Every structure is written in structure tokens, then in C-alpha cells.
Amino acid sequence: MRFDFLGFIGIQPDTTEHKEKVISALGGFVSILLIILLTSHFIESSNAALIIASMGASAVLLFAVPHGPLSQPWPVAGGHLLSAVIGVSCFLIIPNQTIAASIAVGMSIGVMY
């Protein structure tokens, strides 16, 4: 019996077609570009980076794993909506930004379950 080191450490053969990889990469590029342009129109560019980071994680899920359970419309839209409400609420209620951010992330994860 041969020991499969790559399988042991979690590396699996890639079966994704090149066309799907290109479409995923272009989708991620276009979506983040539009978010940057739209966000910078309404808020300062230094604050826009905070929104873009969150959207970047969603773009990876949506375009790289489109059929995954976390990539479906409700988890993405509902997750962002609920997390935004929680984040803004924590910012307004809790004076310490480090504690507010930590609580907001923890609560957002809990609510998204």
C-alpha cells in the first residue's frame, strides 16, 4: 500500500476546468472593482478598505465555490446585512473600538449560524 503524502496533508487533485477558473477570476476582479468605485463615491477611501475586505471574502466564496452552502444568496446577503447592523450597533454602543470590533465579529458569526 502506497502512502499518499499529498492526500494526508489535505492537497487534492484540481479537477476545475480552466474556463471556470478564468470566469471565477474575472468575476472576482469585476465585482471588487465595482465595489471599490461605488464605495469610494460615498465614503472616504481610507474607510472603504474596511468594506472591501469583507466583500473580498464573499467574492472568493461566490466565485471560487459557487455551489457551496455559504455561497448561496441568503447566507451572503443576510450575513452582510445582519453583520452590518451588529457592527454599527457595537460601534455606537461600545466606546472601546477593539472590544467593539471583537464583539461584533463574534456576534456576527453566531447570528449567521
C-alpha atoms as a PDB file:
ATOM      1  CA  MET A   1       0.000   0.000   0.000  1.00  0.00           C
ATOM      2  CA  ARG A   2       1.432   3.357  -1.040  1.00  0.00           C
ATOM      3  CA  PHE A   3       1.343   6.281   1.376  1.00  0.00           C
ATOM      4  CA  ASP A   4      -0.278   9.361  -0.211  1.00  0.00           C
ATOM      5  CA  PHE A   5       1.541  12.267   1.440  1.00  0.00           C
ATOM      6  CA  LEU A   6      -0.302  14.995  -0.508  1.00  0.00           C
ATOM      7  CA  GLY A   7      -3.670  13.492   0.400  1.00  0.00           C
ATOM      8  CA  PHE A   8      -2.527  13.149   4.007  1.00  0.00           C
ATOM      9  CA  ILE A   9      -1.790  16.877   4.283  1.00  0.00           C
ATOM     10  CA  GLY A  10      -5.077  17.799   2.553  1.00  0.00           C
ATOM     11  CA  ILE A  11      -3.983  18.519  -1.002  1.00  0.00           C
ATOM     12  CA  GLN A  12      -6.417  17.086  -3.517  1.00  0.00           C
ATOM     13  CA  PRO A  13      -6.104  16.953  -7.304  1.00  0.00           C
ATOM     14  CA  ASP A  14      -7.641  20.002  -9.009  1.00  0.00           C
ATOM     15  CA  THR A  15     -10.486  18.991 -11.319  1.00  0.00           C
ATOM     16  CA  THR A  16     -11.700  22.523 -12.103  1.00  0.00           C
ATOM     17  CA  GLU A  17     -11.711  23.384 -15.806  1.00  0.00           C
ATOM     18  CA  HIS A  18      -9.573  26.308 -16.972  1.00  0.00           C
ATOM     19  CA  LYS A  19     -12.651  28.113 -18.329  1.00  0.00           C
ATOM     20  CA  GLU A  20     -14.276  28.027 -14.878  1.00  0.00           C
ATOM     21  CA  LYS A  21     -11.064  29.306 -13.271  1.00  0.00           C
ATOM     22  CA  VAL A  22     -10.904  32.264 -15.691  1.00  0.00           C
ATOM     23  CA  ILE A  23     -14.586  33.103 -15.172  1.00  0.00           C
ATOM     24  CA  SER A  24     -14.110  32.959 -11.384  1.00  0.00           C
ATOM     25  CA  ALA A  25     -11.060  35.227 -11.511  1.00  0.00           C
ATOM     26  CA  LEU A  26     -12.775  37.738 -13.801  1.00  0.00           C
ATOM     27  CA  GLY A  27     -15.920  37.701 -11.657  1.00  0.00           C
ATOM     28  CA  GLY A  28     -13.884  38.436  -8.545  1.00  0.00           C
ATOM     29  CA  PHE A  29     -11.956  41.209 -10.302  1.00  0.00           C
ATOM     30  CA  VAL A  30     -15.036  42.936 -11.728  1.00  0.00           C
ATOM     31  CA  SER A  31     -17.069  42.655  -8.524  1.00  0.00           C
ATOM     32  CA  ILE A  32     -14.346  44.095  -6.295  1.00  0.00           C
ATOM     33  CA  LEU A  33     -13.586  46.842  -8.836  1.00  0.00           C
ATOM     34  CA  LEU A  34     -17.247  47.883  -8.854  1.00  0.00           C
ATOM     35  CA  ILE A  35     -17.411  47.777  -5.056  1.00  0.00           C
ATOM     36  CA  ILE A  36     -14.297  49.971  -4.807  1.00  0.00           C
ATOM     37  CA  LEU A  37     -15.693  52.508  -7.289  1.00  0.00           C
ATOM     38  CA  LEU A  38     -19.123  52.573  -5.659  1.00  0.00           C
ATOM     39  CA  THR A  39     -17.777  52.731  -2.108  1.00  0.00           C
ATOM     40  CA  SER A  40     -15.235  55.464  -2.844  1.00  0.00           C
ATOM     41  CA  HIS A  41     -18.038  57.564  -4.321  1.00  0.00           C
ATOM     42  CA  PHE A  42     -19.904  57.604  -0.992  1.00  0.00           C
ATOM     43  CA  ILE A  43     -17.222  57.399   1.721  1.00  0.00           C
ATOM     44  CA  GLU A  44     -13.555  58.297   2.238  1.00  0.00           C
ATOM     45  CA  SER A  45     -11.116  55.903   0.602  1.00  0.00           C
ATOM     46  CA  SER A  46      -9.404  55.114   3.933  1.00  0.00           C
ATOM     47  CA  ASN A  47     -12.683  53.770   5.321  1.00  0.00           C
ATOM     48  CA  ALA A  48     -13.570  51.989   2.080  1.00  0.00           C
ATOM     49  CA  ALA A  49     -10.824  49.427   2.706  1.00  0.00           C
ATOM     50  CA  LEU A  50     -12.775  48.064   5.657  1.00  0.00           C
ATOM     51  CA  ILE A  51     -15.794  47.335   3.475  1.00  0.00           C
ATOM     52  CA  ILE A  52     -13.725  45.946   0.631  1.00  0.00           C
ATOM     53  CA  ALA A  53     -12.025  43.364   2.874  1.00  0.00           C
ATOM     54  CA  SER A  54     -15.380  41.901   3.849  1.00  0.00           C
ATOM     55  CA  MET A  55     -16.566  41.853   0.260  1.00  0.00           C
ATOM     56  CA  GLY A  56     -13.310  40.200  -0.842  1.00  0.00           C
ATOM     57  CA  ALA A  57     -14.016  37.208   1.371  1.00  0.00           C
ATOM     58  CA  SER A  58     -17.517  36.961  -0.058  1.00  0.00           C
ATOM     59  CA  ALA A  59     -16.203  37.246  -3.609  1.00  0.00           C
ATOM     60  CA  VAL A  60     -13.910  34.283  -3.011  1.00  0.00           C
ATOM     61  CA  LEU A  61     -16.860  32.213  -1.790  1.00  0.00           C
ATOM     62  CA  LEU A  62     -19.200  33.341  -4.580  1.00  0.00           C
ATOM     63  CA  PHE A  63     -16.807  32.910  -7.484  1.00  0.00           C
ATOM     64  CA  ALA A  64     -14.485  30.099  -6.351  1.00  0.00           C
ATOM     65  CA  VAL A  65     -17.106  27.880  -4.672  1.00  0.00           C
ATOM     66  CA  PRO A  66     -20.395  28.923  -6.305  1.00  0.00           C
ATOM     67  CA  HIS A  67     -22.319  25.803  -5.291  1.00  0.00           C
ATOM     68  CA  GLY A  68     -21.172  25.773  -1.660  1.00  0.00           C
ATOM     69  CA  PRO A  69     -23.713  26.283   1.117  1.00  0.00           C
ATOM     70  CA  LEU A  70     -22.108  29.589   2.185  1.00  0.00           C
ATOM     71  CA  SER A  71     -22.225  30.914  -1.399  1.00  0.00           C
ATOM     72  CA  GLN A  72     -25.991  30.903  -1.732  1.00  0.00           C
ATOM     73  CA  PRO A  73     -27.928  34.196  -1.873  1.00  0.00           C
ATOM     74  CA  TRP A  74     -29.371  34.235   1.654  1.00  0.00           C
ATOM     75  CA  PRO A  75     -26.138  33.452   3.541  1.00  0.00           C
ATOM     76  CA  VAL A  76     -24.294  36.130   1.564  1.00  0.00           C
ATOM     77  CA  ALA A  77     -26.916  38.904   1.616  1.00  0.00           C
ATOM     78  CA  GLY A  78     -28.330  38.052   5.042  1.00  0.00           C
ATOM     79  CA  GLY A  79     -24.866  37.631   6.505  1.00  0.00           C
ATOM     80  CA  HIS A  80     -23.735  41.046   5.297  1.00  0.00           C
ATOM     81  CA  LEU A  81     -26.955  42.747   6.362  1.00  0.00           C
ATOM     82  CA  LEU A  82     -27.017  41.232   9.851  1.00  0.00           C
ATOM     83  CA  SER A  83     -23.280  41.737  10.342  1.00  0.00           C
ATOM     84  CA  ALA A  84     -23.558  45.381   9.275  1.00  0.00           C
ATOM     85  CA  VAL A  85     -26.340  46.026  11.793  1.00  0.00           C
ATOM     86  CA  ILE A  86     -24.357  44.304  14.545  1.00  0.00           C
ATOM     87  CA  GLY A  87     -21.122  46.109  13.621  1.00  0.00           C
ATOM     88  CA  VAL A  88     -22.668  49.568  13.566  1.00  0.00           C
ATOM     89  CA  SER A  89     -24.560  48.873  16.801  1.00  0.00           C
ATOM     90  CA  CYS A  90     -21.392  47.755  18.579  1.00  0.00           C
ATOM     91  CA  PHE A  91     -19.535  50.810  17.278  1.00  0.00           C
ATOM     92  CA  LEU A  92     -22.240  53.138  18.622  1.00  0.00           C
ATOM     93  CA  ILE A  93     -22.731  51.389  21.973  1.00  0.00           C
ATOM     94  CA  ILE A  94     -19.224  50.256  22.971  1.00  0.00           C
ATOM     95  CA  PRO A  95     -16.656  53.055  23.362  1.00  0.00           C
ATOM     96  CA  ASN A  96     -13.553  50.846  23.058  1.00  0.00           C
ATOM     97  CA  GLN A  97     -13.103  50.079  19.328  1.00  0.00           C
ATOM     98  CA  THR A  98     -11.019  46.957  19.927  1.00  0.00           C
ATOM     99  CA  ILE A  99     -13.667  45.428  22.182  1.00  0.00           C
ATOM    100  CA  ALA A 100     -16.475  46.637  19.897  1.00  0.00           C
ATOM    101  CA  ALA A 101     -14.878  45.030  16.841  1.00  0.00           C
ATOM    102  CA  SER A 102     -14.205  41.774  18.678  1.00  0.00           C
ATOM    103  CA  ILE A 103     -17.745  41.542  19.997  1.00  0.00           C
ATOM    104  CA  ALA A 104     -19.175  42.455  16.582  1.00  0.00           C
ATOM    105  CA  VAL A 105     -17.242  39.686  14.851  1.00  0.00           C
ATOM    106  CA  GLY A 106     -18.186  37.110  17.465  1.00  0.00           C
ATOM    107  CA  MET A 107     -21.840  38.111  17.411  1.00  0.00           C
ATOM    108  CA  SER A 108     -21.920  38.164  13.611  1.00  0.00           C
ATOM    109  CA  ILE A 109     -20.553  34.637  13.426  1.00  0.00           C
ATOM    110  CA  GLY A 110     -23.095  33.482  15.997  1.00  0.00           C
ATOM    111  CA  VAL A 111     -26.028  35.173  14.248  1.00  0.00           C
ATOM    112  CA  MET A 112     -25.042  33.786  10.851  1.00  0.00           C
ATOM    113  CA  TYR A 113     -25.340  30.248  12.197  1.00  0.00           C
END
